[in-house]
Amino acid sequence: MQEYSVLLIEDNPGDARLVHEMLSDAAGDSFRLHTADCLVAGLDALANGKFDVALVDLSLPDSNGL
């Protein structure tokens, strides 16, 4: 079993909780979830940490989508 480090950039606490629950229920591999509630905080986390994947809300208040 492998552990993956996931950065979730999401400003809606309910959506962040849903992603956390979905990853917790995944069979097989495990996921260590790190969250940021805005793009600036997410970019800071990316600059200072190592993540296998980043999941990004495209409608963050401090970004322009894609």
N, C-alpha and C. Protein backbone atom coordinates (compact mmCIF):
# COMPACT_ATOMS: atom_id res chain seq x y z
N MET A 1 0.85 -1.18 0.00
CA MET A 1 0.00 0.00 0.00
C MET A 1 0.90 1.24 0.00
N GLN A 2 0.51 2.22 -0.79
CA GLN A 2 1.28 3.46 -0.89
C GLN A 2 0.46 4.61 -0.33
N GLU A 3 1.17 5.58 0.25
CA GLU A 3 0.50 6.78 0.74
C GLU A 3 0.80 7.94 -0.21
N TYR A 4 -0.27 8.66 -0.57
CA TYR A 4 -0.15 9.81 -1.45
C TYR A 4 -0.43 11.09 -0.67
N SER A 5 0.34 12.10 -0.96
CA SER A 5 0.15 13.40 -0.33
C SER A 5 -0.67 14.27 -1.29
N VAL A 6 -1.84 14.71 -0.81
CA VAL A 6 -2.79 15.45 -1.65
C VAL A 6 -2.96 16.86 -1.09
N LEU A 7 -2.82 17.86 -1.95
CA LEU A 7 -3.13 19.23 -1.58
C LEU A 7 -4.48 19.58 -2.16
N LEU A 8 -5.41 19.95 -1.32
CA LEU A 8 -6.74 20.37 -1.75
C LEU A 8 -6.86 21.87 -1.52
N ILE A 9 -7.08 22.61 -2.61
CA ILE A 9 -7.28 24.05 -2.52
C ILE A 9 -8.77 24.29 -2.75
N GLU A 10 -9.49 24.54 -1.68
CA GLU A 10 -10.95 24.61 -1.71
C GLU A 10 -11.43 25.57 -0.63
N ASP A 11 -12.28 26.53 -1.02
CA ASP A 11 -12.75 27.53 -0.07
C ASP A 11 -14.06 27.14 0.61
N ASN A 12 -14.71 26.09 0.16
CA ASN A 12 -15.98 25.65 0.75
C ASN A 12 -15.70 24.50 1.72
N PRO A 13 -15.90 24.72 3.02
CA PRO A 13 -15.61 23.66 4.01
C PRO A 13 -16.41 22.38 3.76
N GLY A 14 -17.64 22.50 3.27
CA GLY A 14 -18.44 21.31 2.99
C GLY A 14 -17.86 20.48 1.86
N ASP A 15 -17.40 21.15 0.81
CA ASP A 15 -16.76 20.44 -0.30
C ASP A 15 -15.44 19.81 0.13
N ALA A 16 -14.68 20.52 0.95
CA ALA A 16 -13.42 19.97 1.46
C ALA A 16 -13.68 18.73 2.30
N ARG A 17 -14.71 18.76 3.12
CA ARG A 17 -15.07 17.61 3.95
C ARG A 17 -15.49 16.43 3.08
N LEU A 18 -16.23 16.70 2.00
CA LEU A 18 -16.66 15.64 1.09
C LEU A 18 -15.45 14.97 0.43
N VAL A 19 -14.49 15.75 -0.04
CA VAL A 19 -13.28 15.18 -0.64
C VAL A 19 -12.53 14.35 0.39
N HIS A 20 -12.42 14.86 1.60
CA HIS A 20 -11.75 14.12 2.68
C HIS A 20 -12.43 12.77 2.91
N GLU A 21 -13.75 12.77 2.97
CA GLU A 21 -14.50 11.53 3.19
C GLU A 21 -14.31 10.56 2.02
N MET A 22 -14.32 11.08 0.81
CA MET A 22 -14.14 10.21 -0.36
C MET A 22 -12.76 9.57 -0.36
N LEU A 23 -11.74 10.34 -0.02
CA LEU A 23 -10.39 9.78 0.03
C LEU A 23 -10.24 8.79 1.18
N SER A 24 -10.91 9.05 2.29
CA SER A 24 -10.85 8.15 3.43
C SER A 24 -11.50 6.80 3.11
N ASP A 25 -12.52 6.82 2.25
CA ASP A 25 -13.23 5.60 1.89
C ASP A 25 -12.57 4.82 0.76
N ALA A 26 -11.53 5.39 0.14
CA ALA A 26 -10.88 4.73 -0.99
C ALA A 26 -10.20 3.44 -0.54
N ALA A 27 -10.41 2.40 -1.30
CA ALA A 27 -9.79 1.11 -0.98
C ALA A 27 -8.35 1.09 -1.48
N GLY A 28 -7.51 0.37 -0.78
CA GLY A 28 -6.13 0.20 -1.23
C GLY A 28 -5.19 1.25 -0.67
N ASP A 29 -4.80 2.20 -1.50
CA ASP A 29 -3.82 3.22 -1.10
C ASP A 29 -4.42 4.18 -0.07
N SER A 30 -3.54 4.87 0.64
CA SER A 30 -4.00 5.86 1.62
C SER A 30 -3.60 7.25 1.14
N PHE A 31 -4.31 8.24 1.67
CA PHE A 31 -4.11 9.62 1.25
C PHE A 31 -3.93 10.50 2.47
N ARG A 32 -2.91 11.35 2.43
CA ARG A 32 -2.69 12.35 3.46
C ARG A 32 -3.14 13.68 2.86
N LEU A 33 -4.23 14.22 3.38
CA LEU A 33 -4.84 15.40 2.79
C LEU A 33 -4.38 16.67 3.52
N HIS A 34 -3.91 17.63 2.74
CA HIS A 34 -3.55 18.95 3.23
C HIS A 34 -4.51 19.92 2.55
N THR A 35 -5.00 20.90 3.28
CA THR A 35 -5.97 21.82 2.68
C THR A 35 -5.48 23.26 2.75
N ALA A 36 -5.94 24.02 1.77
CA ALA A 36 -5.73 25.47 1.74
C ALA A 36 -7.06 26.07 1.29
N ASP A 37 -7.43 27.21 1.86
CA ASP A 37 -8.75 27.77 1.57
C ASP A 37 -8.74 28.90 0.53
N CYS A 38 -7.58 29.16 -0.04
CA CYS A 38 -7.49 30.16 -1.12
C CYS A 38 -6.28 29.85 -1.98
N LEU A 39 -6.24 30.42 -3.17
CA LEU A 39 -5.15 30.14 -4.09
C LEU A 39 -3.80 30.56 -3.53
N VAL A 40 -3.74 31.72 -2.90
CA VAL A 40 -2.47 32.21 -2.35
C VAL A 40 -1.91 31.21 -1.32
N ALA A 41 -2.76 30.73 -0.43
CA ALA A 41 -2.32 29.74 0.57
C ALA A 41 -1.91 28.43 -0.10
N GLY A 42 -2.63 28.05 -1.15
CA GLY A 42 -2.28 26.83 -1.87
C GLY A 42 -0.94 26.94 -2.57
N LEU A 43 -0.70 28.07 -3.20
CA LEU A 43 0.59 28.28 -3.87
C LEU A 43 1.74 28.30 -2.86
N ASP A 44 1.49 28.87 -1.69
CA ASP A 44 2.49 28.87 -0.62
C ASP A 44 2.78 27.43 -0.18
N ALA A 45 1.72 26.63 -0.01
CA ALA A 45 1.90 25.22 0.38
C ALA A 45 2.69 24.47 -0.68
N LEU A 46 2.41 24.73 -1.95
CA LEU A 46 3.15 24.07 -3.03
C LEU A 46 4.63 24.47 -3.03
N ALA A 47 4.90 25.72 -2.72
CA ALA A 47 6.28 26.19 -2.70
C ALA A 47 7.07 25.60 -1.54
N ASN A 48 6.36 25.24 -0.47
CA ASN A 48 7.05 24.79 0.75
C ASN A 48 6.86 23.31 1.06
N GLY A 49 6.18 22.59 0.22
CA GLY A 49 5.92 21.18 0.51
C GLY A 49 6.00 20.34 -0.75
N LYS A 50 5.90 19.03 -0.55
CA LYS A 50 5.93 18.10 -1.67
C LYS A 50 4.60 17.36 -1.70
N PHE A 51 3.92 17.42 -2.82
CA PHE A 51 2.62 16.79 -2.97
C PHE A 51 2.62 15.92 -4.22
N ASP A 52 1.90 14.82 -4.15
CA ASP A 52 1.76 13.95 -5.32
C ASP A 52 0.71 14.48 -6.28
N VAL A 53 -0.28 15.17 -5.74
CA VAL A 53 -1.35 15.71 -6.57
C VAL A 53 -1.95 16.93 -5.89
N ALA A 54 -2.44 17.86 -6.70
CA ALA A 54 -3.16 19.02 -6.17
C ALA A 54 -4.55 19.04 -6.81
N LEU A 55 -5.56 19.15 -5.98
CA LEU A 55 -6.94 19.30 -6.43
C LEU A 55 -7.33 20.75 -6.18
N VAL A 56 -7.76 21.45 -7.23
CA VAL A 56 -7.98 22.89 -7.12
C VAL A 56 -9.40 23.24 -7.55
N ASP A 57 -10.09 23.95 -6.68
CA ASP A 57 -11.40 24.51 -6.99
C ASP A 57 -11.19 25.59 -8.04
N LEU A 58 -11.94 25.53 -9.13
CA LEU A 58 -11.76 26.51 -10.21
C LEU A 58 -12.51 27.81 -9.97
N SER A 59 -13.26 27.89 -8.88
CA SER A 59 -13.99 29.14 -8.60
C SER A 59 -13.58 29.75 -7.26
N LEU A 60 -12.30 29.78 -7.00
CA LEU A 60 -11.79 30.40 -5.79
C LEU A 60 -11.94 31.92 -5.88
N PRO A 61 -12.21 32.58 -4.78
CA PRO A 61 -12.43 34.03 -4.82
C PRO A 61 -11.18 34.83 -5.21
N ASP A 62 -10.00 34.27 -5.03
CA ASP A 62 -8.79 35.02 -5.36
C ASP A 62 -8.10 34.48 -6.62
N SER A 63 -8.88 33.88 -7.53
CA SER A 63 -8.30 33.39 -8.78
C SER A 63 -9.27 33.65 -9.94
N ASN A 64 -8.80 33.32 -11.14
CA ASN A 64 -9.60 33.52 -12.35
C ASN A 64 -9.91 32.21 -13.05
N GLY A 65 -10.16 31.16 -12.30
CA GLY A 65 -10.44 29.86 -12.94
C GLY A 65 -9.19 29.26 -13.52
N LEU A 66 -9.31 28.74 -14.74
CA LEU A 66 -8.15 28.13 -15.40
C LEU A 66 -7.06 29.14 -15.63
